[in-house]
Amino acid sequence: LIPCAGSGTRMGFSMPKQFEVLADKPMVLHSIHTFLQMSEIQTVWVGVSTEGKDIPGGEWPDEQRLVIRDTGGATRHETVLNTLGAMLSAGVSEDDWVLVHDAARPGLTVEAARRLIAEVTKEPDASGGILAMPLADTLKLVSSQDAHHIAKTLPRDGLWLAQTPQMFRVKALRDALSEAILKNLLVTDEASAMEQAGYKPLLVHGEWQNLKVTYPQDWSLMNDLLTLKRTS
C-alpha cells in the first residue's frame, strides 16, 4: 500500500513530489516497480487524490497487480486508512499482511523488502515489523529559548530511525489507525499507531539508501543513486 496523495510542498515543485521525474521516471514508480518484481506481493495498492489518478509525465504500469484508487485523505494516515478500507471492500482478507511504503522512499530494494517479510513471517506470534536503521549520528537537543543553540547531548543507545515498508495485518492496522485518529493521538507512522494499540512491532535492519526524499539535497542524492544503480 503506497499512500500517494500528499502535496510535498517542502520541495517547492509545481506538482506533488511523488509525480516529479526522478532518474527518468515519476518518483513513485520506482517503489511500484520494486514491489512488482516480487512474487510475494499479490497486489500493489496506490492511494491517490482524485486529481492524482492520471500520473503526470507518464503512465501507470500496465500490470494486473497494480490497483490505483482515489482514496486520498487530508493526511497521510487518512489515505492509508481509506485505502485499507478499499482493500477490504475488494475482498482482501482481514488477516492478510500489508506493507505500507512511502512514495518518497524510491531507494527501496527488493532485498530489503524481502528481509522484512522473512523476519516478520518467521515469528509465529509477530504483530508486524518495520525497516529501520540504528542511529549513528550524535543527537543534540536544542534550547527551548533558542533553536540555534544546543541545550544538551542525548544518548543514542537503543535509538533507531524508522523507515518503510511497515508490515502489519490489514484489520489490526485499520483498527489501530481508526482508534488513533478518533482519539486524536499523535501518529507519526503506522508503527506508532500499532504501539499505541498495545502491539510491539519488530525492528528489521533497513538500508541507508532507503532514505526519505524530503529536501532538495535529498532529491539530488537520490537522483544520483538511482541513476548509478540503473547504469551499473
Protein backbone atom coordinates (compact mmCIF):
# COMPACT_ATOMS: atom_id res chain seq x y z
CA LEU A 1 0.00 0.00 0.00
CA ILE A 2 1.57 3.27 -1.15
CA PRO A 3 -0.14 6.47 0.05
CA CYS A 4 0.37 8.90 -2.80
CA ALA A 5 -1.91 11.86 -2.13
CA GLY A 6 0.47 14.30 -0.42
CA SER A 7 1.40 17.73 -1.76
CA GLY A 8 5.15 17.60 -1.00
CA THR A 9 5.25 21.37 -0.57
CA ARG A 10 8.70 21.48 1.08
CA MET A 11 10.37 20.59 -2.21
CA GLY A 12 8.99 23.68 -3.93
CA PHE A 13 7.84 21.80 -7.06
CA SER A 14 4.87 22.80 -9.20
CA MET A 15 3.31 19.36 -8.67
CA PRO A 16 3.39 16.82 -5.80
CA LYS A 17 6.93 15.48 -5.48
CA GLN A 18 5.87 11.85 -5.90
CA PHE A 19 4.96 12.65 -9.52
CA GLU A 20 8.08 14.67 -10.33
CA VAL A 21 10.54 12.90 -12.63
CA LEU A 22 13.46 11.44 -10.70
CA ALA A 23 16.08 9.40 -12.57
CA ASP A 24 13.92 9.35 -15.71
CA LYS A 25 10.57 8.38 -14.18
CA PRO A 26 7.98 9.81 -11.73
CA MET A 27 9.36 9.13 -8.25
CA VAL A 28 6.52 6.86 -7.09
CA LEU A 29 7.12 4.47 -9.99
CA HIS A 30 10.50 3.43 -8.55
CA SER A 31 8.83 1.88 -5.50
CA ILE A 32 5.99 0.42 -7.55
CA HIS A 33 8.45 -1.33 -9.88
CA THR A 34 10.36 -2.70 -6.87
CA PHE A 35 7.22 -4.33 -5.47
CA LEU A 36 6.09 -5.60 -8.87
CA GLN A 37 9.38 -7.53 -9.13
CA MET A 38 8.40 -9.55 -6.05
CA SER A 39 6.36 -12.73 -6.41
CA GLU A 40 5.46 -12.40 -2.71
CA ILE A 41 3.36 -9.30 -3.46
CA GLN A 42 -0.16 -10.18 -4.62
CA THR A 43 -1.31 -6.61 -5.31
CA VAL A 44 0.15 -3.12 -5.13
CA TRP A 45 -2.43 -0.55 -3.99
CA VAL A 46 -1.76 3.15 -4.55
CA GLY A 47 -3.97 5.69 -2.78
CA VAL A 48 -4.13 8.97 -4.71
CA SER A 49 -6.16 12.15 -4.57
CA THR A 50 -9.00 12.48 -7.10
CA GLU A 51 -6.93 14.78 -9.30
CA GLY A 52 -3.89 12.50 -8.99
CA LYS A 53 -5.31 9.44 -10.77
CA ASP A 54 -3.63 10.43 -14.03
CA ILE A 55 0.09 10.38 -13.38
CA PRO A 56 1.81 13.41 -14.89
CA GLY A 57 4.62 12.88 -17.37
CA GLY A 58 3.95 9.20 -17.97
CA GLU A 59 1.61 6.27 -17.46
CA TRP A 60 0.92 3.86 -14.65
CA PRO A 61 2.46 0.46 -15.40
CA ASP A 62 0.19 -1.88 -17.36
CA GLU A 63 0.23 -4.53 -14.67
CA GLN A 64 -2.77 -6.51 -13.42
CA ARG A 65 -1.46 -6.49 -9.84
CA LEU A 66 -1.42 -2.67 -9.71
CA VAL A 67 -4.56 -1.05 -8.25
CA ILE A 68 -4.97 2.75 -8.27
CA ARG A 69 -7.72 4.20 -6.07
CA ASP A 70 -8.74 7.78 -5.30
CA THR A 71 -8.62 7.16 -1.55
CA GLY A 72 -6.56 10.22 -0.68
CA GLY A 73 -7.37 11.87 2.65
CA ALA A 74 -6.47 15.12 4.38
CA THR A 75 -3.46 13.41 5.97
CA ARG A 76 -1.18 10.52 5.03
CA HIS A 77 -2.74 8.30 7.67
CA GLU A 78 -6.25 9.03 6.47
CA THR A 79 -5.09 7.97 2.99
CA VAL A 80 -3.73 4.72 4.43
CA LEU A 81 -6.94 4.11 6.36
CA ASN A 82 -9.14 4.85 3.33
CA THR A 83 -7.06 2.56 1.14
CA LEU A 84 -7.21 -0.25 3.70
CA GLY A 85 -10.99 0.10 3.60
CA ALA A 86 -10.96 -0.15 -0.20
CA MET A 87 -8.79 -3.26 0.02
CA LEU A 88 -11.20 -4.94 2.42
CA SER A 89 -14.17 -4.00 0.24
CA ALA A 90 -12.38 -5.58 -2.73
CA GLY A 91 -12.05 -8.89 -0.92
CA VAL A 92 -8.60 -8.64 0.68
CA SER A 93 -8.63 -10.75 3.85
CA GLU A 94 -8.53 -9.05 7.26
CA ASP A 95 -5.67 -11.38 8.21
CA ASP A 96 -3.54 -10.67 5.14
CA TRP A 97 -0.27 -8.85 5.62
CA VAL A 98 0.04 -5.36 4.15
CA LEU A 99 3.27 -3.43 3.63
CA VAL A 100 2.79 0.35 3.80
CA HIS A 101 5.53 2.23 1.97
CA ASP A 102 6.28 5.92 1.45
CA ALA A 103 6.21 7.08 -2.16
CA ALA A 104 9.08 9.38 -1.13
CA ARG A 105 11.40 6.41 -0.47
CA PRO A 106 12.28 5.39 -4.05
CA GLY A 107 15.56 3.75 -2.99
CA LEU A 108 13.88 0.65 -1.52
CA THR A 109 15.44 -2.58 -2.76
CA VAL A 110 13.80 -5.96 -3.30
CA GLU A 111 16.32 -7.43 -0.85
CA ALA A 112 15.30 -5.10 1.98
CA ALA A 113 11.59 -5.68 1.42
CA ARG A 114 12.13 -9.44 1.37
CA ARG A 115 14.18 -9.25 4.56
CA LEU A 116 11.28 -7.53 6.33
CA ILE A 117 8.78 -10.11 5.09
CA ALA A 118 11.04 -13.00 6.12
CA GLU A 119 11.71 -11.66 9.63
CA VAL A 120 8.07 -10.87 10.36
CA THR A 121 6.62 -14.10 9.00
CA LYS A 122 9.11 -16.38 10.74
CA GLU A 123 7.88 -15.16 14.15
CA PRO A 124 4.73 -17.20 14.93
CA ASP A 125 3.19 -14.50 17.13
CA ALA A 126 4.60 -11.43 15.39
CA SER A 127 2.26 -8.45 15.26
CA GLY A 128 4.27 -6.88 12.45
CA GLY A 129 7.50 -5.03 11.90
CA ILE A 130 9.27 -2.19 10.16
CA LEU A 131 12.53 -1.50 8.39
CA ALA A 132 14.73 0.80 10.47
CA MET A 133 18.33 1.89 10.93
CA PRO A 134 20.18 2.26 14.25
CA LEU A 135 21.02 5.89 14.91
CA ALA A 136 24.67 6.55 14.08
CA ASP A 137 24.91 10.33 14.48
CA THR A 138 25.26 12.19 17.76
CA LEU A 139 21.88 13.50 18.86
CA LYS A 140 21.51 17.10 20.08
CA LEU A 141 18.58 18.74 21.87
CA VAL A 142 18.12 22.41 21.06
CA SER A 143 17.41 25.07 23.64
CA SER A 144 13.73 25.91 24.18
CA GLN A 145 14.69 29.59 24.15
CA ASP A 146 16.88 29.50 21.06
CA ALA A 147 16.64 26.78 18.43
CA HIS A 148 20.14 27.64 17.16
CA HIS A 149 21.88 26.66 20.40
CA ILE A 150 22.45 23.21 21.89
CA ALA A 151 20.81 22.52 25.24
CA LYS A 152 22.40 19.08 25.69
CA THR A 153 23.53 15.89 24.00
CA LEU A 154 21.14 12.95 24.18
CA PRO A 155 22.24 9.30 24.45
CA ARG A 156 21.67 7.46 21.18
CA ASP A 157 21.81 3.94 22.61
CA GLY A 158 18.74 2.00 21.58
CA LEU A 159 17.51 4.66 19.15
CA TRP A 160 16.56 3.70 15.59
CA LEU A 161 15.43 5.70 12.57
CA ALA A 162 12.14 4.31 11.27
CA GLN A 163 11.84 3.56 7.58
CA THR A 164 9.21 1.92 5.40
CA PRO A 165 7.79 -0.53 4.42
CA GLN A 166 5.97 -1.15 7.67
CA MET A 167 4.21 -4.52 7.72
CA PHE A 168 1.06 -5.40 9.68
CA ARG A 169 -2.15 -7.40 9.42
CA VAL A 170 -4.79 -5.48 7.46
CA LYS A 171 -7.52 -5.41 10.12
CA ALA A 172 -5.15 -4.78 13.04
CA LEU A 173 -3.64 -1.79 11.25
CA ARG A 174 -7.03 -0.42 10.20
CA ASP A 175 -8.33 -0.67 13.77
CA ALA A 176 -5.20 0.91 15.25
CA LEU A 177 -5.28 3.85 12.83
CA SER A 178 -9.02 4.35 13.33
CA GLU A 179 -8.59 4.44 17.10
CA ALA A 180 -5.62 6.81 16.94
CA ILE A 181 -7.46 9.24 14.65
CA LEU A 182 -10.64 9.02 16.75
CA LYS A 183 -8.71 9.79 19.95
CA ASN A 184 -6.61 12.46 18.25
CA LEU A 185 -3.41 10.62 19.19
CA LEU A 186 -0.05 11.53 17.70
CA VAL A 187 0.51 9.20 14.75
CA THR A 188 3.88 9.67 13.05
CA ASP A 189 3.86 6.34 11.21
CA GLU A 190 1.87 3.11 11.11
CA ALA A 191 4.05 1.56 13.82
CA SER A 192 3.23 4.38 16.25
CA ALA A 193 -0.49 3.65 15.84
CA MET A 194 0.14 -0.06 16.43
CA GLU A 195 2.29 0.70 19.51
CA GLN A 196 -0.49 2.82 20.99
CA ALA A 197 -2.86 -0.11 20.42
CA GLY A 198 -0.59 -2.32 22.53
CA TYR A 199 1.47 -4.08 19.86
CA LYS A 200 5.26 -4.41 19.81
CA PRO A 201 6.45 -4.42 16.19
CA LEU A 202 9.80 -5.92 15.21
CA LEU A 203 12.73 -3.77 14.12
CA VAL A 204 14.31 -5.15 10.96
CA HIS A 205 17.58 -3.71 9.67
CA GLY A 206 16.95 -1.46 6.68
CA GLU A 207 19.33 0.20 4.22
CA TRP A 208 20.75 3.71 4.21
CA GLN A 209 19.73 4.30 0.57
CA ASN A 210 16.10 3.80 1.62
CA LEU A 211 16.11 7.43 2.75
CA LYS A 212 13.07 9.67 2.61
CA VAL A 213 13.29 12.38 -0.04
CA THR A 214 12.20 15.47 1.86
CA TYR A 215 14.55 18.33 0.98
CA PRO A 216 16.18 19.47 -2.30
CA GLN A 217 19.55 17.98 -1.31
CA ASP A 218 17.83 14.60 -0.77
CA TRP A 219 16.45 14.81 -4.30
CA SER A 220 19.89 15.33 -5.83
CA LEU A 221 21.42 12.49 -3.81
CA MET A 222 18.63 10.05 -4.67
CA ASN A 223 18.77 11.00 -8.34
CA ASP A 224 22.48 10.13 -8.37
CA LEU A 225 21.92 6.85 -6.51
CA LEU A 226 19.11 5.66 -8.78
CA THR A 227 20.95 6.72 -11.93
CA LEU A 228 24.06 4.85 -10.80
CA LYS A 229 22.01 1.76 -9.95
CA ARG A 230 20.39 1.78 -13.39
CA THR A 231 23.69 2.09 -15.25
CA SER A 232 25.74 -0.34 -13.13
